[in-house]
Amino acid sequence: MRPDLKKAQAIIEPIVRGLGCDLVELRFLSEAGRAVLRVSVDREGGISLGECQQISREIETPLEVEEVLPDHYYLEVSSPGLDRPLVKEEDYLKFAGRKAALRTGPSIEGRRNFKGILQGIEQGVIRMQIDGQEYRIPFNTVERGHLVFEGK
């Protein structure tokens, strides 16, 4: 059975929001031959292990009842971590001023990999400062984006 991630998201997102958190990312993948639904959640100030466990308990039954996933899968609920993925357009506004890395599908100004300071997003175009130069990257060209942790 191929999972319906849009339907899974429609089930999960209101539950997560109701618990005061944000759904960051939802991924269904195969790891070591087992099906895994990875749910990444966050909130302002971070999320605790106990909150991840509570969210896992709250979403498990509705997902099973709606049968949007295969019979046998592992559910993982976790924090997005220090290298938080940038998935939605709102993420590029929320994390403006932070260091990020992006990879685009097509080449933009002769490159596909960008690492610099997010300047925000306007009308579907991400602005990013890299070595004193501003790059404008269409949101719909981004294959993967994430924050870059700058350790002290």
N, C-alpha and C. Protein backbone atom coordinates (compact mmCIF):
# COMPACT_ATOMS: atom_id res chain seq x y z
N MET A 1 0.84 -1.19 0.00
CA MET A 1 0.00 0.00 0.00
C MET A 1 0.88 1.25 0.00
N ARG A 2 0.62 2.16 -0.90
CA ARG A 2 1.34 3.43 -0.95
C ARG A 2 0.64 4.41 -0.02
N PRO A 3 1.37 5.05 0.89
CA PRO A 3 0.73 5.95 1.84
C PRO A 3 0.23 7.23 1.19
N ASP A 4 -0.88 7.74 1.68
CA ASP A 4 -1.42 9.02 1.23
C ASP A 4 -0.95 10.07 2.23
N LEU A 5 0.20 10.70 1.95
CA LEU A 5 0.78 11.65 2.90
C LEU A 5 -0.06 12.91 3.07
N LYS A 6 -0.78 13.32 2.03
CA LYS A 6 -1.65 14.49 2.16
C LYS A 6 -2.78 14.20 3.14
N LYS A 7 -3.33 13.00 3.05
CA LYS A 7 -4.39 12.63 3.98
C LYS A 7 -3.82 12.46 5.39
N ALA A 8 -2.64 11.86 5.49
CA ALA A 8 -2.00 11.71 6.81
C ALA A 8 -1.74 13.09 7.41
N GLN A 9 -1.27 14.03 6.59
CA GLN A 9 -1.01 15.38 7.09
C GLN A 9 -2.30 16.05 7.55
N ALA A 10 -3.39 15.84 6.81
CA ALA A 10 -4.68 16.42 7.18
C ALA A 10 -5.17 15.87 8.52
N ILE A 11 -4.79 14.65 8.84
CA ILE A 11 -5.16 14.05 10.13
C ILE A 11 -4.22 14.56 11.23
N ILE A 12 -2.94 14.57 10.96
CA ILE A 12 -1.93 14.88 11.98
C ILE A 12 -1.88 16.36 12.34
N GLU A 13 -1.91 17.24 11.34
CA GLU A 13 -1.67 18.67 11.58
C GLU A 13 -2.62 19.29 12.60
N PRO A 14 -3.94 19.06 12.52
CA PRO A 14 -4.82 19.68 13.53
C PRO A 14 -4.57 19.14 14.95
N ILE A 15 -4.19 17.89 15.05
CA ILE A 15 -3.90 17.30 16.36
C ILE A 15 -2.66 17.96 16.95
N VAL A 16 -1.62 18.08 16.14
CA VAL A 16 -0.37 18.70 16.58
C VAL A 16 -0.62 20.16 16.97
N ARG A 17 -1.37 20.89 16.14
CA ARG A 17 -1.68 22.29 16.45
C ARG A 17 -2.48 22.40 17.74
N GLY A 18 -3.42 21.47 17.93
CA GLY A 18 -4.23 21.46 19.15
C GLY A 18 -3.41 21.24 20.41
N LEU A 19 -2.24 20.66 20.27
CA LEU A 19 -1.34 20.44 21.40
C LEU A 19 -0.31 21.58 21.51
N GLY A 20 -0.51 22.64 20.73
CA GLY A 20 0.34 23.82 20.83
C GLY A 20 1.65 23.72 20.08
N CYS A 21 1.71 22.84 19.10
CA CYS A 21 2.95 22.64 18.34
C CYS A 21 2.70 22.85 16.85
N ASP A 22 3.79 22.86 16.09
CA ASP A 22 3.71 22.99 14.64
C ASP A 22 4.23 21.72 13.99
N LEU A 23 3.56 21.28 12.93
CA LEU A 23 4.07 20.18 12.13
C LEU A 23 5.12 20.75 11.19
N VAL A 24 6.35 20.30 11.34
CA VAL A 24 7.45 20.80 10.52
C VAL A 24 7.56 20.01 9.24
N GLU A 25 7.57 18.69 9.38
CA GLU A 25 7.78 17.83 8.21
C GLU A 25 7.18 16.46 8.47
N LEU A 26 6.69 15.86 7.40
CA LEU A 26 6.12 14.52 7.44
C LEU A 26 6.76 13.73 6.31
N ARG A 27 7.41 12.63 6.67
CA ARG A 27 8.10 11.83 5.64
C ARG A 27 7.79 10.36 5.86
N PHE A 28 7.57 9.66 4.75
CA PHE A 28 7.38 8.21 4.81
C PHE A 28 8.53 7.60 4.04
N LEU A 29 9.31 6.75 4.70
CA LEU A 29 10.49 6.19 4.06
C LEU A 29 10.72 4.76 4.50
N SER A 30 11.66 4.15 3.83
CA SER A 30 12.05 2.79 4.17
C SER A 30 13.47 2.84 4.73
N GLU A 31 13.63 2.30 5.93
CA GLU A 31 14.94 2.25 6.57
C GLU A 31 15.20 0.83 7.03
N ALA A 32 16.28 0.27 6.56
CA ALA A 32 16.66 -1.10 6.92
C ALA A 32 15.50 -2.07 6.67
N GLY A 33 14.80 -1.86 5.56
CA GLY A 33 13.72 -2.77 5.18
C GLY A 33 12.42 -2.60 5.94
N ARG A 34 12.31 -1.53 6.73
CA ARG A 34 11.06 -1.30 7.46
C ARG A 34 10.47 0.04 7.09
N ALA A 35 9.15 0.11 7.06
CA ALA A 35 8.44 1.34 6.74
C ALA A 35 8.41 2.25 7.96
N VAL A 36 8.75 3.52 7.77
CA VAL A 36 8.81 4.47 8.87
C VAL A 36 8.05 5.75 8.48
N LEU A 37 7.14 6.18 9.35
CA LEU A 37 6.51 7.48 9.21
C LEU A 37 7.23 8.39 10.20
N ARG A 38 7.96 9.36 9.66
CA ARG A 38 8.73 10.29 10.50
C ARG A 38 7.97 11.61 10.55
N VAL A 39 7.58 11.99 11.76
CA VAL A 39 6.83 13.21 12.00
C VAL A 39 7.73 14.15 12.80
N SER A 40 8.02 15.29 12.24
CA SER A 40 8.87 16.27 12.90
C SER A 40 7.98 17.41 13.38
N VAL A 41 8.07 17.71 14.68
CA VAL A 41 7.23 18.75 15.29
C VAL A 41 8.09 19.71 16.09
N ASP A 42 7.58 20.92 16.27
CA ASP A 42 8.33 21.92 17.03
C ASP A 42 7.35 22.91 17.64
N ARG A 43 7.88 23.73 18.51
CA ARG A 43 7.14 24.84 19.08
C ARG A 43 8.15 25.90 19.47
N GLU A 44 7.68 27.10 19.65
CA GLU A 44 8.56 28.19 20.09
C GLU A 44 9.23 27.76 21.40
N GLY A 45 10.55 27.83 21.43
CA GLY A 45 11.28 27.44 22.63
C GLY A 45 11.68 25.98 22.65
N GLY A 46 11.28 25.21 21.62
CA GLY A 46 11.65 23.80 21.54
C GLY A 46 10.58 22.87 22.08
N ILE A 47 10.80 21.60 21.87
CA ILE A 47 9.83 20.58 22.25
C ILE A 47 10.53 19.50 23.07
N SER A 48 9.82 18.97 24.05
CA SER A 48 10.41 17.96 24.94
C SER A 48 10.11 16.55 24.45
N LEU A 49 10.86 15.61 24.99
CA LEU A 49 10.63 14.20 24.68
C LEU A 49 9.22 13.79 25.10
N GLY A 50 8.78 14.26 26.24
CA GLY A 50 7.42 13.94 26.71
C GLY A 50 6.35 14.44 25.77
N GLU A 51 6.55 15.63 25.20
CA GLU A 51 5.59 16.17 24.23
C GLU A 51 5.58 15.34 22.96
N CYS A 52 6.76 14.89 22.53
CA CYS A 52 6.83 14.02 21.34
C CYS A 52 6.08 12.71 21.60
N GLN A 53 6.24 12.16 22.79
CA GLN A 53 5.54 10.92 23.14
C GLN A 53 4.03 11.14 23.16
N GLN A 54 3.59 12.26 23.71
CA GLN A 54 2.16 12.57 23.76
C GLN A 54 1.59 12.70 22.35
N ILE A 55 2.30 13.41 21.48
CA ILE A 55 1.83 13.58 20.10
C ILE A 55 1.76 12.23 19.41
N SER A 56 2.74 11.37 19.63
CA SER A 56 2.74 10.04 19.05
C SER A 56 1.48 9.28 19.47
N ARG A 57 1.16 9.31 20.75
CA ARG A 57 -0.04 8.62 21.24
C ARG A 57 -1.31 9.20 20.64
N GLU A 58 -1.35 10.53 20.49
CA GLU A 58 -2.55 11.20 19.98
C GLU A 58 -2.81 10.94 18.49
N ILE A 59 -1.75 10.78 17.71
CA ILE A 59 -1.95 10.62 16.26
C ILE A 59 -2.02 9.16 15.82
N GLU A 60 -1.54 8.25 16.66
CA GLU A 60 -1.47 6.84 16.27
C GLU A 60 -2.83 6.25 15.92
N THR A 61 -3.81 6.41 16.77
CA THR A 61 -5.13 5.81 16.54
C THR A 61 -5.85 6.41 15.34
N PRO A 62 -5.91 7.75 15.21
CA PRO A 62 -6.58 8.30 14.01
C PRO A 62 -5.94 7.83 12.70
N LEU A 63 -4.62 7.68 12.68
CA LEU A 63 -3.96 7.19 11.47
C LEU A 63 -4.37 5.74 11.17
N GLU A 64 -4.48 4.94 12.21
CA GLU A 64 -4.89 3.54 12.01
C GLU A 64 -6.35 3.45 11.57
N VAL A 65 -7.22 4.24 12.17
CA VAL A 65 -8.64 4.22 11.84
C VAL A 65 -8.86 4.61 10.38
N GLU A 66 -8.16 5.63 9.92
CA GLU A 66 -8.31 6.12 8.55
C GLU A 66 -7.59 5.26 7.52
N GLU A 67 -6.72 4.36 7.97
CA GLU A 67 -5.99 3.42 7.10
C GLU A 67 -5.28 4.13 5.93
N VAL A 68 -4.54 5.19 6.24
CA VAL A 68 -3.81 5.90 5.20
C VAL A 68 -2.39 5.38 5.02
N LEU A 69 -1.98 4.49 5.90
CA LEU A 69 -0.63 3.93 5.87
C LEU A 69 -0.69 2.41 5.81
N PRO A 70 0.41 1.77 5.42
CA PRO A 70 0.42 0.31 5.39
C PRO A 70 0.15 -0.27 6.78
N ASP A 71 -0.21 -1.55 6.81
CA ASP A 71 -0.52 -2.19 8.09
C ASP A 71 0.65 -2.15 9.07
N HIS A 72 1.85 -2.33 8.59
CA HIS A 72 3.01 -2.38 9.46
C HIS A 72 3.97 -1.25 9.15
N TYR A 73 4.09 -0.33 10.09
CA TYR A 73 5.03 0.78 9.95
C TYR A 73 5.43 1.24 11.35
N TYR A 74 6.53 1.92 11.42
CA TYR A 74 6.99 2.49 12.67
C TYR A 74 6.70 3.98 12.65
N LEU A 75 6.18 4.50 13.75
CA LEU A 75 5.88 5.91 13.88
C LEU A 75 6.98 6.54 14.73
N GLU A 76 7.63 7.56 14.18
CA GLU A 76 8.65 8.31 14.91
C GLU A 76 8.23 9.77 14.98
N VAL A 77 8.11 10.30 16.18
CA VAL A 77 7.80 11.71 16.38
C VAL A 77 9.01 12.33 17.07
N SER A 78 9.54 13.39 16.46
CA SER A 78 10.75 13.99 17.04
C SER A 78 10.81 15.49 16.76
N SER A 79 11.75 16.11 17.42
CA SER A 79 12.08 17.51 17.18
C SER A 79 12.82 17.59 15.85
N PRO A 80 12.75 18.73 15.15
CA PRO A 80 13.48 18.84 13.89
C PRO A 80 14.99 18.94 14.08
N GLY A 81 15.45 19.20 15.29
CA GLY A 81 16.88 19.27 15.55
C GLY A 81 17.48 20.62 15.20
N LEU A 82 18.78 20.72 15.37
CA LEU A 82 19.48 21.98 15.15
C LEU A 82 19.55 22.36 13.68
N ASP A 83 19.51 21.37 12.80
CA ASP A 83 19.53 21.64 11.36
C ASP A 83 18.12 21.51 10.80
N ARG A 84 17.20 22.22 11.44
CA ARG A 84 15.77 22.16 11.14
C ARG A 84 15.50 22.34 9.64
N PRO A 85 14.70 21.44 9.08
CA PRO A 85 14.37 21.60 7.65
C PRO A 85 13.51 22.84 7.42
N LEU A 86 13.67 23.44 6.29
CA LEU A 86 12.85 24.57 5.86
C LEU A 86 11.93 24.02 4.77
N VAL A 87 10.66 23.89 5.09
CA VAL A 87 9.73 23.20 4.22
C VAL A 87 8.70 24.14 3.60
N LYS A 88 8.15 25.01 4.43
CA LYS A 88 7.08 25.89 3.99
C LYS A 88 7.62 27.29 3.73
N GLU A 89 6.90 28.05 2.92
CA GLU A 89 7.32 29.43 2.66
C GLU A 89 7.45 30.22 3.96
N GLU A 90 6.55 29.97 4.90
CA GLU A 90 6.58 30.69 6.18
C GLU A 90 7.90 30.47 6.93
N ASP A 91 8.53 29.30 6.72
CA ASP A 91 9.81 29.01 7.38
C ASP A 91 10.88 30.02 6.98
N TYR A 92 10.83 30.45 5.73
CA TYR A 92 11.84 31.38 5.23
C TYR A 92 11.66 32.79 5.78
N LEU A 93 10.45 33.10 6.22
CA LEU A 93 10.19 34.36 6.92
C LEU A 93 10.58 34.23 8.39
N LYS A 94 10.11 33.15 9.00
CA LYS A 94 10.32 32.93 10.42
C LYS A 94 11.81 32.90 10.78
N PHE A 95 12.64 32.34 9.90
CA PHE A 95 14.06 32.17 10.21
C PHE A 95 14.95 33.16 9.46
N ALA A 96 14.37 34.27 9.00
CA ALA A 96 15.18 35.31 8.35
C ALA A 96 16.25 35.77 9.35
N GLY A 97 17.45 35.97 8.83
CA GLY A 97 18.57 36.36 9.68
C GLY A 97 19.42 35.19 10.14
N ARG A 98 18.94 33.98 9.91
CA ARG A 98 19.68 32.78 10.30
C ARG A 98 20.42 32.19 9.11
N LYS A 99 21.47 31.42 9.40
CA LYS A 99 22.23 30.75 8.34
C LYS A 99 21.47 29.51 7.88
N ALA A 100 21.46 29.30 6.57
CA ALA A 100 20.73 28.18 6.00
C ALA A 100 21.48 27.64 4.78
N ALA A 101 21.12 26.42 4.41
CA ALA A 101 21.65 25.80 3.20
C ALA A 101 20.46 25.33 2.36
N LEU A 102 20.54 25.60 1.06
CA LEU A 102 19.48 25.20 0.13
C LEU A 102 20.10 24.47 -1.04
N ARG A 103 19.32 23.54 -1.59
CA ARG A 103 19.71 22.87 -2.84
C ARG A 103 18.53 23.01 -3.78
N THR A 104 18.80 23.49 -4.98
CA THR A 104 17.74 23.66 -5.97
C THR A 104 17.81 22.55 -7.01
N GLY A 105 16.69 22.33 -7.70
CA GLY A 105 16.67 21.38 -8.82
C GLY A 105 17.41 21.99 -9.99
N PRO A 106 16.86 23.04 -10.57
CA PRO A 106 17.58 23.69 -11.67
C PRO A 106 18.68 24.61 -11.13
N SER A 107 19.62 24.90 -11.96
CA SER A 107 20.69 25.82 -11.61
C SER A 107 20.14 27.25 -11.56
N ILE A 108 20.52 27.98 -10.52
CA ILE A 108 20.14 29.38 -10.36
C ILE A 108 21.45 30.19 -10.34
N GLU A 109 21.61 31.09 -11.27
CA GLU A 109 22.84 31.89 -11.38
C GLU A 109 24.09 31.01 -11.38
N GLY A 110 24.00 29.87 -12.07
CA GLY A 110 25.15 28.99 -12.23
C GLY A 110 25.44 28.06 -11.07
N ARG A 111 24.52 27.96 -10.12
CA ARG A 111 24.75 27.06 -8.98
C ARG A 111 23.46 26.42 -8.51
N ARG A 112 23.62 25.30 -7.81
CA ARG A 112 22.46 24.59 -7.24
C ARG A 112 22.52 24.54 -5.72
N ASN A 113 23.68 24.79 -5.13
CA ASN A 113 23.85 24.76 -3.68
C ASN A 113 24.12 26.16 -3.17
N PHE A 114 23.37 26.53 -2.13
CA PHE A 114 23.47 27.87 -1.56
C PHE A 114 23.61 27.75 -0.05
N LYS A 115 24.56 28.45 0.54
CA LYS A 115 24.70 28.48 1.99
C LYS A 115 25.00 29.92 2.39
N GLY A 116 24.12 30.50 3.18
CA GLY A 116 24.29 31.89 3.58
C GLY A 116 23.21 32.31 4.55
N ILE A 117 22.98 33.60 4.65
CA ILE A 117 22.01 34.15 5.60
C ILE A 117 20.68 34.40 4.88
N LEU A 118 19.62 33.82 5.43
CA LEU A 118 18.28 34.05 4.87
C LEU A 118 17.89 35.50 5.10
N GLN A 119 17.35 36.11 4.06
CA GLN A 119 16.87 37.49 4.15
C GLN A 119 15.35 37.54 4.13
N GLY A 120 14.70 36.37 3.93
CA GLY A 120 13.25 36.30 3.89
C GLY A 120 12.75 35.78 2.56
N ILE A 121 11.46 35.95 2.34
CA ILE A 121 10.83 35.50 1.10
C ILE A 121 9.73 36.49 0.74
N GLU A 122 9.64 36.83 -0.53
CA GLU A 122 8.61 37.74 -1.03
C GLU A 122 8.07 37.20 -2.34
N GLN A 123 6.77 37.06 -2.43
CA GLN A 123 6.10 36.60 -3.64
C GLN A 123 6.74 35.33 -4.20
N GLY A 124 7.03 34.38 -3.30
CA GLY A 124 7.56 33.09 -3.73
C GLY A 124 9.04 33.08 -4.09
N VAL A 125 9.76 34.16 -3.77
CA VAL A 125 11.19 34.22 -4.08
C VAL A 125 11.97 34.41 -2.77
N ILE A 126 12.85 33.45 -2.48
CA ILE A 126 13.69 33.49 -1.28
C ILE A 126 14.87 34.41 -1.56
N ARG A 127 15.15 35.29 -0.60
CA ARG A 127 16.33 36.14 -0.70
C ARG A 127 17.37 35.62 0.27
N MET A 128 18.61 35.49 -0.20
CA MET A 128 19.67 34.93 0.60
C MET A 128 20.96 35.71 0.37
N GLN A 129 21.65 36.05 1.44
CA GLN A 129 22.92 36.79 1.37
C GLN A 129 24.06 35.79 1.48
N ILE A 130 24.93 35.75 0.47
CA ILE A 130 26.07 34.84 0.45
C ILE A 130 27.30 35.63 0.05
N ASP A 131 28.26 35.71 0.96
CA ASP A 131 29.52 36.42 0.70
C ASP A 131 29.29 37.82 0.13
N GLY A 132 28.37 38.56 0.76
CA GLY A 132 28.12 39.94 0.35
C GLY A 132 27.25 40.11 -0.88
N GLN A 133 26.80 39.03 -1.47
CA GLN A 133 25.96 39.10 -2.67
C GLN A 133 24.58 38.54 -2.35
N GLU A 134 23.53 39.20 -2.84
CA GLU A 134 22.17 38.70 -2.63
C GLU A 134 21.77 37.79 -3.79
N TYR A 135 21.24 36.63 -3.44
CA TYR A 135 20.70 35.69 -4.42
C TYR A 135 19.20 35.64 -4.25
N ARG A 136 18.49 35.50 -5.37
CA ARG A 136 17.04 35.38 -5.37
C ARG A 136 16.71 34.00 -5.93
N ILE A 137 16.11 33.18 -5.08
CA ILE A 137 15.89 31.77 -5.41
C ILE A 137 14.38 31.49 -5.38
N PRO A 138 13.78 31.13 -6.49
CA PRO A 138 12.35 30.79 -6.49
C PRO A 138 12.08 29.61 -5.55
N PHE A 139 11.11 29.78 -4.66
CA PHE A 139 10.77 28.75 -3.67
C PHE A 139 10.48 27.42 -4.35
N ASN A 140 9.78 27.46 -5.48
CA ASN A 140 9.38 26.21 -6.14
C ASN A 140 10.54 25.46 -6.79
N THR A 141 11.75 26.03 -6.75
CA THR A 141 12.92 25.32 -7.29
C THR A 141 13.72 24.61 -6.20
N VAL A 142 13.38 24.85 -4.93
CA VAL A 142 14.14 24.29 -3.80
C VAL A 142 13.78 22.82 -3.61
N GLU A 143 14.79 21.95 -3.72
CA GLU A 143 14.60 20.53 -3.45
C GLU A 143 14.67 20.25 -1.96
N ARG A 144 15.61 20.92 -1.30
CA ARG A 144 15.82 20.69 0.14
C ARG A 144 16.44 21.95 0.73
N GLY A 145 15.96 22.35 1.90
CA GLY A 145 16.52 23.48 2.61
C GLY A 145 16.55 23.17 4.09
N HIS A 146 17.56 23.69 4.79
CA HIS A 146 17.62 23.49 6.24
C HIS A 146 18.46 24.58 6.88
N LEU A 147 18.22 24.80 8.17
CA LEU A 147 19.05 25.73 8.93
C LEU A 147 20.42 25.11 9.12
N VAL A 148 21.42 25.95 9.29
CA VAL A 148 22.78 25.48 9.54
C VAL A 148 23.13 25.85 10.97
N PHE A 149 23.44 24.86 11.78
CA PHE A 149 23.80 25.10 13.17
C PHE A 149 25.19 25.70 13.24
N GLU A 150 25.28 26.79 13.96
CA GLU A 150 26.58 27.44 14.14
C GLU A 150 26.96 27.29 15.61
N GLY A 151 27.76 26.27 15.89
CA GLY A 151 28.19 25.99 17.26
C GLY A 151 29.09 27.09 17.79
N LYS A 152 29.09 27.22 19.08
CA LYS A 152 29.91 28.26 19.73
C LYS A 152 31.27 27.74 20.05
